[in-house]
Amino acid sequence: MGWTFQRNRQARRFCEKHGFVAVEETGGRRNGEKEPDVLYRWVKDRG
């Protein structure tokens, strides 16, 4: 699992290309930057 900022499109593309799935999005209340973020979880077999 890993977090990235929602606006970081390059990181999001990388995660999705390598089998990670977005499982949670927040408004940024829980991070120090107060920036909306997204949590990715790796899914071994998506098929």
PDB file of N, CA and C in Angstrom:
ATOM      1  N   MET A   1       0.841  -1.173   0.000  1.00  0.00           N
ATOM      2  CA  MET A   1       0.000   0.000   0.000  1.00  0.00           C
ATOM      3  C   MET A   1       0.884   1.233   0.000  1.00  0.00           C
ATOM      4  N   GLY A   2       0.342   2.292  -0.545  1.00  0.00           N
ATOM      5  CA  GLY A   2       1.080   3.535  -0.545  1.00  0.00           C
ATOM      6  C   GLY A   2       0.186   4.713  -0.875  1.00  0.00           C
ATOM      7  N   TRP A   3       0.582   5.869  -0.381  1.00  0.00           N
ATOM      8  CA  TRP A   3      -0.160   7.105  -0.605  1.00  0.00           C
ATOM      9  C   TRP A   3       0.547   7.958  -1.647  1.00  0.00           C
ATOM     10  N   THR A   4      -0.232   8.724  -2.400  1.00  0.00           N
ATOM     11  CA  THR A   4       0.306   9.773  -3.255  1.00  0.00           C
ATOM     12  C   THR A   4      -0.719  10.899  -3.289  1.00  0.00           C
ATOM     13  N   PHE A   5      -0.273  12.074  -3.658  1.00  0.00           N
ATOM     14  CA  PHE A   5      -1.210  13.187  -3.766  1.00  0.00           C
ATOM     15  C   PHE A   5      -2.077  13.008  -5.009  1.00  0.00           C
ATOM     16  N   GLN A   6      -3.324  13.394  -4.904  1.00  0.00           N
ATOM     17  CA  GLN A   6      -4.247  13.231  -6.024  1.00  0.00           C
ATOM     18  C   GLN A   6      -3.754  13.968  -7.264  1.00  0.00           C
ATOM     19  N   ARG A   7      -3.113  15.093  -7.087  1.00  0.00           N
ATOM     20  CA  ARG A   7      -2.669  15.882  -8.254  1.00  0.00           C
ATOM     21  C   ARG A   7      -1.396  15.337  -8.902  1.00  0.00           C
ATOM     22  N   ASN A   8      -0.757  14.352  -8.288  1.00  0.00           N
ATOM     23  CA  ASN A   8       0.477  13.775  -8.824  1.00  0.00           C
ATOM     24  C   ASN A   8       0.122  12.712  -9.870  1.00  0.00           C
ATOM     25  N   ARG A   9      -0.212  13.166 -11.045  1.00  0.00           N
ATOM     26  CA  ARG A   9      -0.684  12.273 -12.108  1.00  0.00           C
ATOM     27  C   ARG A   9       0.386  11.265 -12.543  1.00  0.00           C
ATOM     28  N   GLN A  10       1.633  11.671 -12.532  1.00  0.00           N
ATOM     29  CA  GLN A  10       2.710  10.759 -12.931  1.00  0.00           C
ATOM     30  C   GLN A  10       2.791   9.580 -11.957  1.00  0.00           C
ATOM     31  N   ALA A  11       2.730   9.845 -10.676  1.00  0.00           N
ATOM     32  CA  ALA A  11       2.776   8.765  -9.681  1.00  0.00           C
ATOM     33  C   ALA A  11       1.538   7.882  -9.783  1.00  0.00           C
ATOM     34  N   ARG A  12       0.388   8.490 -10.041  1.00  0.00           N
ATOM     35  CA  ARG A  12      -0.845   7.713 -10.150  1.00  0.00           C
ATOM     36  C   ARG A  12      -0.796   6.786 -11.363  1.00  0.00           C
ATOM     37  N   ARG A  13      -0.302   7.283 -12.486  1.00  0.00           N
ATOM     38  CA  ARG A  13      -0.161   6.435 -13.678  1.00  0.00           C
ATOM     39  C   ARG A  13       0.791   5.274 -13.406  1.00  0.00           C
ATOM     40  N   PHE A  14       1.889   5.564 -12.732  1.00  0.00           N
ATOM     41  CA  PHE A  14       2.856   4.522 -12.393  1.00  0.00           C
ATOM     42  C   PHE A  14       2.192   3.435 -11.549  1.00  0.00           C
ATOM     43  N   CYS A  15       1.488   3.838 -10.506  1.00  0.00           N
ATOM     44  CA  CYS A  15       0.817   2.869  -9.621  1.00  0.00           C
ATOM     45  C   CYS A  15      -0.157   2.006 -10.406  1.00  0.00           C
ATOM     46  N   GLU A  16      -0.982   2.644 -11.209  1.00  0.00           N
ATOM     47  CA  GLU A  16      -2.010   1.914 -11.949  1.00  0.00           C
ATOM     48  C   GLU A  16      -1.396   0.995 -13.002  1.00  0.00           C
ATOM     49  N   LYS A  17      -0.303   1.421 -13.606  1.00  0.00           N
ATOM     50  CA  LYS A  17       0.385   0.596 -14.601  1.00  0.00           C
ATOM     51  C   LYS A  17       0.944  -0.677 -13.979  1.00  0.00           C
ATOM     52  N   HIS A  18       1.329  -0.599 -12.715  1.00  0.00           N
ATOM     53  CA  HIS A  18       1.976  -1.724 -12.045  1.00  0.00           C
ATOM     54  C   HIS A  18       1.033  -2.513 -11.137  1.00  0.00           C
ATOM     55  N   GLY A  19      -0.262  -2.398 -11.375  1.00  0.00           N
ATOM     56  CA  GLY A  19      -1.220  -3.256 -10.689  1.00  0.00           C
ATOM     57  C   GLY A  19      -1.782  -2.738  -9.383  1.00  0.00           C
ATOM     58  N   PHE A  20      -1.525  -1.479  -9.068  1.00  0.00           N
ATOM     59  CA  PHE A  20      -2.100  -0.904  -7.858  1.00  0.00           C
ATOM     60  C   PHE A  20      -3.494  -0.363  -8.162  1.00  0.00           C
ATOM     61  N   VAL A  21      -4.371  -0.440  -7.174  1.00  0.00           N
ATOM     62  CA  VAL A  21      -5.746   0.027  -7.313  1.00  0.00           C
ATOM     63  C   VAL A  21      -6.007   1.069  -6.232  1.00  0.00           C
ATOM     64  N   ALA A  22      -6.635   2.179  -6.612  1.00  0.00           N
ATOM     65  CA  ALA A  22      -6.996   3.207  -5.633  1.00  0.00           C
ATOM     66  C   ALA A  22      -8.096   2.664  -4.730  1.00  0.00           C
ATOM     67  N   VAL A  23      -7.865   2.725  -3.414  1.00  0.00           N
ATOM     68  CA  VAL A  23      -8.846   2.192  -2.466  1.00  0.00           C
ATOM     69  C   VAL A  23      -9.422   3.266  -1.551  1.00  0.00           C
ATOM     70  N   GLU A  24      -8.791   4.438  -1.505  1.00  0.00           N
ATOM     71  CA  GLU A  24      -9.297   5.513  -0.653  1.00  0.00           C
ATOM     72  C   GLU A  24      -8.773   6.848  -1.149  1.00  0.00           C
ATOM     73  N   GLU A  25      -9.631   7.851  -1.134  1.00  0.00           N
ATOM     74  CA  GLU A  25      -9.222   9.222  -1.423  1.00  0.00           C
ATOM     75  C   GLU A  25      -9.629  10.080  -0.240  1.00  0.00           C
ATOM     76  N   THR A  26      -8.773  11.045   0.117  1.00  0.00           N
ATOM     77  CA  THR A  26      -9.089  11.925   1.238  1.00  0.00           C
ATOM     78  C   THR A  26      -8.974  13.377   0.795  1.00  0.00           C
ATOM     79  N   GLY A  27      -9.488  14.237   1.621  1.00  0.00           N
ATOM     80  CA  GLY A  27      -9.382  15.670   1.371  1.00  0.00           C
ATOM     81  C   GLY A  27      -8.095  16.267   1.905  1.00  0.00           C
ATOM     82  N   GLY A  28      -7.236  15.437   2.483  1.00  0.00           N
ATOM     83  CA  GLY A  28      -5.951  15.904   2.974  1.00  0.00           C
ATOM     84  C   GLY A  28      -5.915  16.238   4.455  1.00  0.00           C
ATOM     85  N   ARG A  29      -6.977  15.962   5.166  1.00  0.00           N
ATOM     86  CA  ARG A  29      -7.013  16.296   6.597  1.00  0.00           C
ATOM     87  C   ARG A  29      -5.963  15.544   7.404  1.00  0.00           C
ATOM     88  N   ARG A  30      -5.577  14.358   6.946  1.00  0.00           N
ATOM     89  CA  ARG A  30      -4.692  13.509   7.745  1.00  0.00           C
ATOM     90  C   ARG A  30      -3.220  13.617   7.381  1.00  0.00           C
ATOM     91  N   ASN A  31      -2.863  14.460   6.422  1.00  0.00           N
ATOM     92  CA  ASN A  31      -1.436  14.593   6.111  1.00  0.00           C
ATOM     93  C   ASN A  31      -0.952  16.004   6.446  1.00  0.00           C
ATOM     94  N   GLY A  32       0.318  16.134   6.659  1.00  0.00           N
ATOM     95  CA  GLY A  32       0.892  17.404   7.073  1.00  0.00           C
ATOM     96  C   GLY A  32       0.761  18.509   6.044  1.00  0.00           C
ATOM     97  N   GLU A  33       0.667  18.144   4.781  1.00  0.00           N
ATOM     98  CA  GLU A  33       0.577  19.132   3.709  1.00  0.00           C
ATOM     99  C   GLU A  33      -0.848  19.623   3.482  1.00  0.00           C
ATOM    100  N   LYS A  34      -1.827  18.919   4.068  1.00  0.00           N
ATOM    101  CA  LYS A  34      -3.256  19.241   3.886  1.00  0.00           C
ATOM    102  C   LYS A  34      -3.641  19.195   2.410  1.00  0.00           C
ATOM    103  N   GLU A  35      -3.017  18.271   1.699  1.00  0.00           N
ATOM    104  CA  GLU A  35      -3.211  18.098   0.253  1.00  0.00           C
ATOM    105  C   GLU A  35      -4.047  16.840   0.019  1.00  0.00           C
ATOM    106  N   PRO A  36      -5.089  16.917  -0.811  1.00  0.00           N
ATOM    107  CA  PRO A  36      -5.872  15.715  -1.110  1.00  0.00           C
ATOM    108  C   PRO A  36      -4.971  14.588  -1.612  1.00  0.00           C
ATOM    109  N   ASP A  37      -5.210  13.391  -1.078  1.00  0.00           N
ATOM    110  CA  ASP A  37      -4.359  12.273  -1.451  1.00  0.00           C
ATOM    111  C   ASP A  37      -5.180  11.029  -1.753  1.00  0.00           C
ATOM    112  N   VAL A  38      -4.471  10.016  -2.227  1.00  0.00           N
ATOM    113  CA  VAL A  38      -5.121   8.759  -2.604  1.00  0.00           C
ATOM    114  C   VAL A  38      -4.253   7.597  -2.123  1.00  0.00           C
ATOM    115  N   LEU A  39      -4.908   6.582  -1.599  1.00  0.00           N
ATOM    116  CA  LEU A  39      -4.226   5.384  -1.116  1.00  0.00           C
ATOM    117  C   LEU A  39      -4.357   4.291  -2.162  1.00  0.00           C
ATOM    118  N   TYR A  40      -3.215   3.701  -2.513  1.00  0.00           N
ATOM    119  CA  TYR A  40      -3.198   2.601  -3.477  1.00  0.00           C
ATOM    120  C   TYR A  40      -2.844   1.303  -2.771  1.00  0.00           C
ATOM    121  N   ARG A  41      -3.466   0.239  -3.242  1.00  0.00           N
ATOM    122  CA  ARG A  41      -3.166  -1.109  -2.747  1.00  0.00           C
ATOM    123  C   ARG A  41      -2.832  -1.968  -3.955  1.00  0.00           C
ATOM    124  N   TRP A  42      -1.784  -2.766  -3.822  1.00  0.00           N
ATOM    125  CA  TRP A  42      -1.382  -3.642  -4.913  1.00  0.00           C
ATOM    126  C   TRP A  42      -2.281  -4.862  -4.932  1.00  0.00           C
ATOM    127  N   VAL A  43      -2.787  -5.186  -6.121  1.00  0.00           N
ATOM    128  CA  VAL A  43      -3.638  -6.356  -6.307  1.00  0.00           C
ATOM    129  C   VAL A  43      -2.861  -7.347  -7.158  1.00  0.00           C
ATOM    130  N   LYS A  44      -2.556  -8.500  -6.579  1.00  0.00           N
ATOM    131  CA  LYS A  44      -1.711  -9.486  -7.258  1.00  0.00           C
ATOM    132  C   LYS A  44      -2.321  -9.974  -8.561  1.00  0.00           C
ATOM    133  N   ASP A  45      -3.581 -10.334  -8.529  1.00  0.00           N
ATOM    134  CA  ASP A  45      -4.234 -10.870  -9.727  1.00  0.00           C
ATOM    135  C   ASP A  45      -5.554 -10.149  -9.932  1.00  0.00           C
ATOM    136  N   ARG A  46      -5.579  -9.270 -10.932  1.00  0.00           N
ATOM    137  CA  ARG A  46      -6.797  -8.508 -11.193  1.00  0.00           C
ATOM    138  C   ARG A  46      -7.754  -9.248 -12.109  1.00  0.00           C
ATOM    139  N   GLY A  47      -7.415 -10.436 -12.568  1.00  0.00           N
ATOM    140  CA  GLY A  47      -8.239 -11.146 -13.521  1.00  0.00           C
ATOM    141  C   GLY A  47      -8.920 -12.279 -12.894  1.00  0.00           C
TER     142      GLY A  47
END
